[in-house]
Amino acid sequence: MTWQFSLAGLLVGLLVGMTGMGGGSLMTPILILLFGFDPKTAVGTDILHGAVFKSFGAARHRMLGTVHARLALWMFAGSAPLSLVGVQLADRFGSGASDSMAKLVGAALVVGGIGFLAKTFLHSRPAIDAPFLLSNRDRAIAVTMGAFGGLIVGLTSVGSGTFFGLTMLLVYPLAAQKIVGTDVFHAAALLWVAGASHLLHGNVDTHAMAWLLVGSIPGVLIGSNLSVKVPEKELRVAFGVVLLLSGIKILDVPEASPIVLTGVILSALAFLVWSLRRLLARPLPAPD
């Protein structure tokens, strides 16, 4: 399979480029559920793919001045070493314990989906006009947040675009653009550390990763330049629901298939209702 990987990368890249959503969380369930990857290999491939992929976004945000570099570095001080611990744990789970690894990934997707939905409906704290100077308390929170999130990312690949952004949203008085930029910048650095470690442990399918990048890099560049108006909140809700349903499926909870089917049907109905409301809300063309 080659073009199928590129197509998956293109779709995720377009999604991230148009909405800024953390499409990396989608790649692990795609690799497991659609391409039949072993969970350990799916996690490693997703992380290293995300490192390359998110570096483009990180460079762009840095150029735009939407990165709080010191906050990102303090988070990185906690996340980088703990991500290596997460990779080591993932490698041990992968040796004859793929079911346990799959359950960890599924649980992380469920929590990530809930967190993403929460981040969609929460608003950032009022941003201060003056430069945000970190206090000792702010640094301690950043390191602690980084350590916890880094462990989860290294172990499951989930959370680099959800957990850190949600926590910054609740804790730090930063503008929304600064939260997004800092989140992407830190995530790119973290994923390079965790991805390199997964590569050294033999947990990366380099063939699949290369073909994913063939689609995802142009996808994110095209998506970021599209002028169409995207219903961002609705897409974010859909993204969170997809993460939840993917996690339930990977966890293989009792009656998982009916739950997923019900979720898909309800989501389709909700999309239909939303489309009809948008259609009916359009003003009628003026008579000639």
Protein backbone atom coordinates (compact mmCIF):
# COMPACT_ATOMS: atom_id res chain seq x y z
CA MET A 1 0.00 0.00 0.00
CA THR A 2 1.35 3.40 -0.96
CA TRP A 3 -1.29 5.74 -2.32
CA GLN A 4 -3.65 4.77 0.51
CA PHE A 5 -1.14 6.11 3.05
CA SER A 6 -0.69 9.29 1.03
CA LEU A 7 -4.46 9.76 0.82
CA ALA A 8 -4.78 9.37 4.60
CA GLY A 9 -1.95 11.87 5.08
CA LEU A 10 -3.55 14.30 2.65
CA LEU A 11 -6.90 14.20 4.44
CA VAL A 12 -5.31 14.74 7.86
CA GLY A 13 -3.09 17.48 6.46
CA LEU A 14 -6.03 19.34 4.93
CA LEU A 15 -7.93 19.07 8.21
CA VAL A 16 -5.05 20.51 10.21
CA GLY A 17 -4.31 23.20 7.66
CA MET A 18 -7.91 24.44 7.47
CA THR A 19 -8.83 24.28 11.16
CA GLY A 20 -5.63 23.98 13.19
CA MET A 21 -7.00 20.83 14.81
CA GLY A 22 -4.60 18.24 16.19
CA GLY A 23 -4.91 15.77 13.34
CA GLY A 24 -2.05 13.68 14.72
CA SER A 25 -4.45 12.03 17.14
CA LEU A 26 -6.39 10.75 14.14
CA MET A 27 -3.42 9.00 12.58
CA THR A 28 -2.94 6.33 15.25
CA PRO A 29 -6.54 5.01 15.07
CA ILE A 30 -6.39 5.24 11.26
CA LEU A 31 -3.26 3.08 11.20
CA ILE A 32 -4.73 0.58 13.67
CA LEU A 33 -8.32 0.34 12.46
CA LEU A 34 -7.94 0.89 8.70
CA PHE A 35 -4.44 -0.40 7.96
CA GLY A 36 -4.20 -3.13 10.61
CA PHE A 37 -1.01 -1.86 12.26
CA ASP A 38 0.26 -3.30 15.52
CA PRO A 39 -0.51 -0.64 18.20
CA LYS A 40 3.17 -0.19 19.09
CA THR A 41 4.16 0.41 15.46
CA ALA A 42 1.15 2.67 14.89
CA VAL A 43 2.16 4.84 17.86
CA GLY A 44 5.81 5.10 16.80
CA THR A 45 4.98 5.83 13.16
CA ASP A 46 2.39 8.45 14.13
CA ILE A 47 4.79 10.22 16.49
CA LEU A 48 7.70 10.48 14.05
CA HIS A 49 5.32 11.47 11.23
CA GLY A 50 3.87 14.14 13.52
CA ALA A 51 7.35 15.46 14.33
CA VAL A 52 8.07 16.21 10.67
CA PHE A 53 4.52 17.28 9.96
CA LYS A 54 4.15 19.69 12.90
CA SER A 55 7.57 21.26 12.35
CA PHE A 56 6.12 23.11 9.35
CA GLY A 57 3.36 24.55 11.53
CA ALA A 58 5.80 25.35 14.33
CA ALA A 59 8.08 27.31 11.99
CA ARG A 60 5.09 29.23 10.65
CA HIS A 61 3.83 30.15 14.13
CA ARG A 62 7.32 31.22 15.20
CA MET A 63 7.54 33.53 12.17
CA LEU A 64 4.14 35.02 13.06
CA GLY A 65 5.23 35.69 16.65
CA THR A 66 2.46 33.51 18.14
CA VAL A 67 4.79 31.36 20.27
CA HIS A 68 5.53 31.96 23.95
CA ALA A 69 8.99 30.43 23.66
CA ARG A 70 9.87 30.40 27.37
CA LEU A 71 6.63 28.65 28.31
CA ALA A 72 7.23 26.08 25.56
CA LEU A 73 10.77 25.47 26.83
CA TRP A 74 9.63 24.96 30.42
CA MET A 75 7.00 22.46 29.25
CA PHE A 76 9.66 20.75 27.15
CA ALA A 77 11.90 20.44 30.22
CA GLY A 78 9.29 18.14 31.72
CA SER A 79 7.90 16.49 28.60
CA ALA A 80 11.12 15.46 26.81
CA PRO A 81 12.58 13.15 29.49
CA LEU A 82 9.22 11.66 30.47
CA SER A 83 8.37 10.97 26.82
CA LEU A 84 11.44 8.70 26.73
CA VAL A 85 10.03 6.84 29.72
CA GLY A 86 6.74 6.52 27.84
CA VAL A 87 8.53 5.10 24.79
CA GLN A 88 10.33 2.57 26.97
CA LEU A 89 7.01 1.49 28.51
CA ALA A 90 5.41 1.25 25.07
CA ASP A 91 8.26 -0.95 23.87
CA ARG A 92 7.76 -3.31 26.80
CA PHE A 93 4.00 -3.43 26.24
CA GLY A 94 4.61 -4.23 22.60
CA SER A 95 6.53 -7.41 23.40
CA GLY A 96 3.74 -10.00 23.50
CA ALA A 97 1.28 -7.58 25.04
CA SER A 98 -0.30 -5.90 22.03
CA ASP A 99 -3.77 -6.19 23.56
CA SER A 100 -2.66 -4.22 26.62
CA MET A 101 -1.03 -1.63 24.37
CA ALA A 102 -4.19 -1.35 22.31
CA LYS A 103 -6.27 -0.77 25.44
CA LEU A 104 -3.90 2.00 26.55
CA VAL A 105 -4.18 3.69 23.16
CA GLY A 106 -7.97 3.30 23.20
CA ALA A 107 -8.24 4.79 26.68
CA ALA A 108 -6.01 7.70 25.66
CA LEU A 109 -8.22 8.33 22.61
CA VAL A 110 -11.37 8.40 24.77
CA VAL A 111 -9.78 10.85 27.22
CA GLY A 112 -8.34 12.86 24.31
CA GLY A 113 -11.74 13.03 22.63
CA ILE A 114 -13.37 14.30 25.83
CA GLY A 115 -10.55 16.82 26.28
CA PHE A 116 -10.86 18.00 22.69
CA LEU A 117 -14.61 18.51 23.08
CA ALA A 118 -13.98 20.43 26.30
CA LYS A 119 -11.38 22.64 24.59
CA THR A 120 -13.85 23.33 21.76
CA PHE A 121 -16.46 24.80 24.08
CA LEU A 122 -14.20 26.48 26.62
CA HIS A 123 -12.93 30.01 26.10
CA SER A 124 -9.50 31.20 27.03
CA ARG A 125 -8.98 33.46 30.03
CA PRO A 126 -8.87 37.18 29.26
CA ALA A 127 -5.47 37.84 27.72
CA ILE A 128 -3.30 40.53 29.24
CA ASP A 129 -1.91 43.28 27.02
CA ALA A 130 1.52 43.30 28.66
CA PRO A 131 4.03 40.51 27.92
CA PHE A 132 3.24 37.45 30.04
CA LEU A 133 6.18 36.94 32.41
CA LEU A 134 6.38 33.51 34.00
CA SER A 135 6.41 33.29 37.78
CA ASN A 136 7.95 30.36 39.68
CA ARG A 137 4.44 28.92 40.04
CA ASP A 138 3.89 29.17 36.27
CA ARG A 139 7.18 27.39 35.60
CA ALA A 140 6.36 24.62 38.08
CA ILE A 141 2.96 24.08 36.45
CA ALA A 142 4.57 24.01 32.99
CA VAL A 143 7.15 21.40 33.99
CA THR A 144 4.54 19.24 35.77
CA MET A 145 2.15 19.51 32.84
CA GLY A 146 4.98 18.65 30.46
CA ALA A 147 6.03 15.61 32.48
CA PHE A 148 2.53 14.13 32.63
CA GLY A 149 1.69 14.93 29.01
CA GLY A 150 5.08 13.77 27.74
CA LEU A 151 4.63 10.37 29.38
CA ILE A 152 1.21 9.93 27.76
CA VAL A 153 2.43 11.09 24.34
CA GLY A 154 5.47 8.81 24.36
CA LEU A 155 3.31 5.87 25.41
CA THR A 156 0.25 6.38 23.19
CA SER A 157 0.99 9.28 20.74
CA VAL A 158 -2.25 10.94 21.91
CA GLY A 159 -2.39 14.32 23.58
CA SER A 160 0.27 16.52 21.98
CA GLY A 161 -2.40 18.68 20.36
CA THR A 162 -5.10 18.36 23.04
CA PHE A 163 -3.81 17.99 26.58
CA PHE A 164 -1.27 20.83 26.53
CA GLY A 165 -3.58 23.26 24.73
CA LEU A 166 -6.45 22.53 27.13
CA THR A 167 -4.26 23.05 30.19
CA MET A 168 -2.80 26.30 28.87
CA LEU A 169 -6.32 27.45 28.08
CA LEU A 170 -7.32 26.98 31.73
CA VAL A 171 -4.13 28.14 33.45
CA TYR A 172 -2.35 30.88 31.51
CA PRO A 173 -3.69 34.31 30.45
CA LEU A 174 -2.66 33.97 26.82
CA ALA A 175 -4.53 34.97 23.68
CA ALA A 176 -6.02 32.07 21.71
CA GLN A 177 -3.48 32.49 18.88
CA LYS A 178 -0.62 32.35 21.38
CA ILE A 179 -1.98 29.17 22.95
CA VAL A 180 -2.23 27.48 19.56
CA GLY A 181 1.24 28.63 18.47
CA THR A 182 2.89 27.63 21.74
CA ASP A 183 1.10 24.28 21.67
CA VAL A 184 2.22 23.48 18.11
CA PHE A 185 5.80 24.65 18.75
CA HIS A 186 6.15 22.56 21.90
CA ALA A 187 4.44 19.55 20.31
CA ALA A 188 6.88 19.56 17.38
CA ALA A 189 9.90 19.56 19.71
CA LEU A 190 8.40 16.87 21.95
CA LEU A 191 7.50 14.61 19.03
CA TRP A 192 11.05 14.78 17.65
CA VAL A 193 12.40 13.43 20.94
CA ALA A 194 9.76 10.71 21.30
CA GLY A 195 9.84 9.90 17.58
CA ALA A 196 13.62 9.46 17.50
CA SER A 197 13.39 7.16 20.49
CA HIS A 198 10.64 5.08 18.85
CA LEU A 199 12.79 4.88 15.71
CA LEU A 200 15.76 3.58 17.71
CA HIS A 201 13.47 1.00 19.34
CA GLY A 202 12.33 -0.20 15.90
CA ASN A 203 8.73 0.97 16.40
CA VAL A 204 8.48 3.04 13.20
CA ASP A 205 7.34 1.84 9.78
CA THR A 206 9.51 4.20 7.72
CA HIS A 207 7.87 3.15 4.44
CA ALA A 208 4.42 4.06 5.70
CA MET A 209 5.69 7.27 7.30
CA ALA A 210 7.33 8.44 4.06
CA TRP A 211 4.12 7.93 2.08
CA LEU A 212 2.05 9.60 4.79
CA LEU A 213 4.29 12.66 4.50
CA VAL A 214 3.84 12.69 0.71
CA GLY A 215 0.19 13.49 1.41
CA SER A 216 0.26 15.36 4.71
CA ILE A 217 2.88 18.04 3.92
CA PRO A 218 1.16 19.39 0.79
CA GLY A 219 -2.18 18.85 2.53
CA VAL A 220 -1.33 21.15 5.43
CA LEU A 221 0.14 23.77 3.08
CA ILE A 222 -2.92 23.69 0.81
CA GLY A 223 -5.36 23.66 3.73
CA SER A 224 -3.72 26.65 5.42
CA ASN A 225 -4.21 28.71 2.25
CA LEU A 226 -7.78 27.74 1.45
CA SER A 227 -10.08 30.74 1.50
CA VAL A 228 -13.29 28.77 2.04
CA LYS A 229 -15.15 29.41 5.27
CA VAL A 230 -14.88 26.29 7.40
CA PRO A 231 -17.44 25.64 10.18
CA GLU A 232 -14.64 25.27 12.71
CA LYS A 233 -16.64 24.51 15.87
CA GLU A 234 -18.73 21.87 14.10
CA LEU A 235 -15.61 20.24 12.66
CA ARG A 236 -13.97 20.26 16.08
CA VAL A 237 -17.01 18.54 17.61
CA ALA A 238 -16.90 15.95 14.82
CA PHE A 239 -13.18 15.45 15.46
CA GLY A 240 -13.77 14.87 19.19
CA VAL A 241 -16.56 12.39 18.45
CA VAL A 242 -14.32 10.50 16.02
CA LEU A 243 -11.64 10.21 18.70
CA LEU A 244 -14.19 8.93 21.22
CA LEU A 245 -15.65 6.34 18.85
CA SER A 246 -12.18 5.23 17.72
CA GLY A 247 -11.14 4.77 21.34
CA ILE A 248 -14.25 2.73 22.11
CA LYS A 249 -13.62 0.52 19.08
CA ILE A 250 -9.95 -0.05 19.93
CA LEU A 251 -10.82 -0.75 23.58
CA ASP A 252 -13.26 -3.37 22.28
CA VAL A 253 -15.72 -2.63 25.08
CA PRO A 254 -18.86 -4.78 25.27
CA GLU A 255 -21.21 -3.92 22.41
CA ALA A 256 -18.52 -1.69 20.87
CA SER A 257 -19.80 -2.14 17.32
CA PRO A 258 -23.41 -1.10 18.13
CA ILE A 259 -22.09 1.88 20.12
CA VAL A 260 -19.90 3.01 17.22
CA LEU A 261 -22.72 2.45 14.72
CA THR A 262 -25.12 4.45 16.91
CA GLY A 263 -22.57 7.23 17.22
CA VAL A 264 -22.06 7.35 13.45
CA ILE A 265 -25.83 7.45 12.81
CA LEU A 266 -26.39 10.19 15.40
CA SER A 267 -23.49 12.18 14.00
CA ALA A 268 -24.87 11.83 10.47
CA LEU A 269 -28.31 12.98 11.64
CA ALA A 270 -26.79 15.93 13.49
CA PHE A 271 -24.87 16.90 10.35
CA LEU A 272 -28.06 16.60 8.29
CA VAL A 273 -29.99 18.84 10.72
CA TRP A 274 -27.14 21.36 10.77
CA SER A 275 -26.99 21.40 6.94
CA LEU A 276 -30.75 21.92 6.66
CA ARG A 277 -30.64 24.79 9.16
CA ARG A 278 -27.83 26.45 7.23
CA LEU A 279 -29.74 25.99 4.00
CA LEU A 280 -32.96 27.41 5.39
CA ALA A 281 -31.12 30.32 6.99
CA ARG A 282 -29.79 31.55 3.66
CA PRO A 283 -31.51 34.69 2.41
CA LEU A 284 -33.64 34.22 -0.67
CA PRO A 285 -32.29 35.86 -3.83
CA ALA A 286 -33.86 39.23 -4.59
CA PRO A 287 -36.41 39.17 -7.41
CA ASP A 288 -35.31 40.70 -10.71
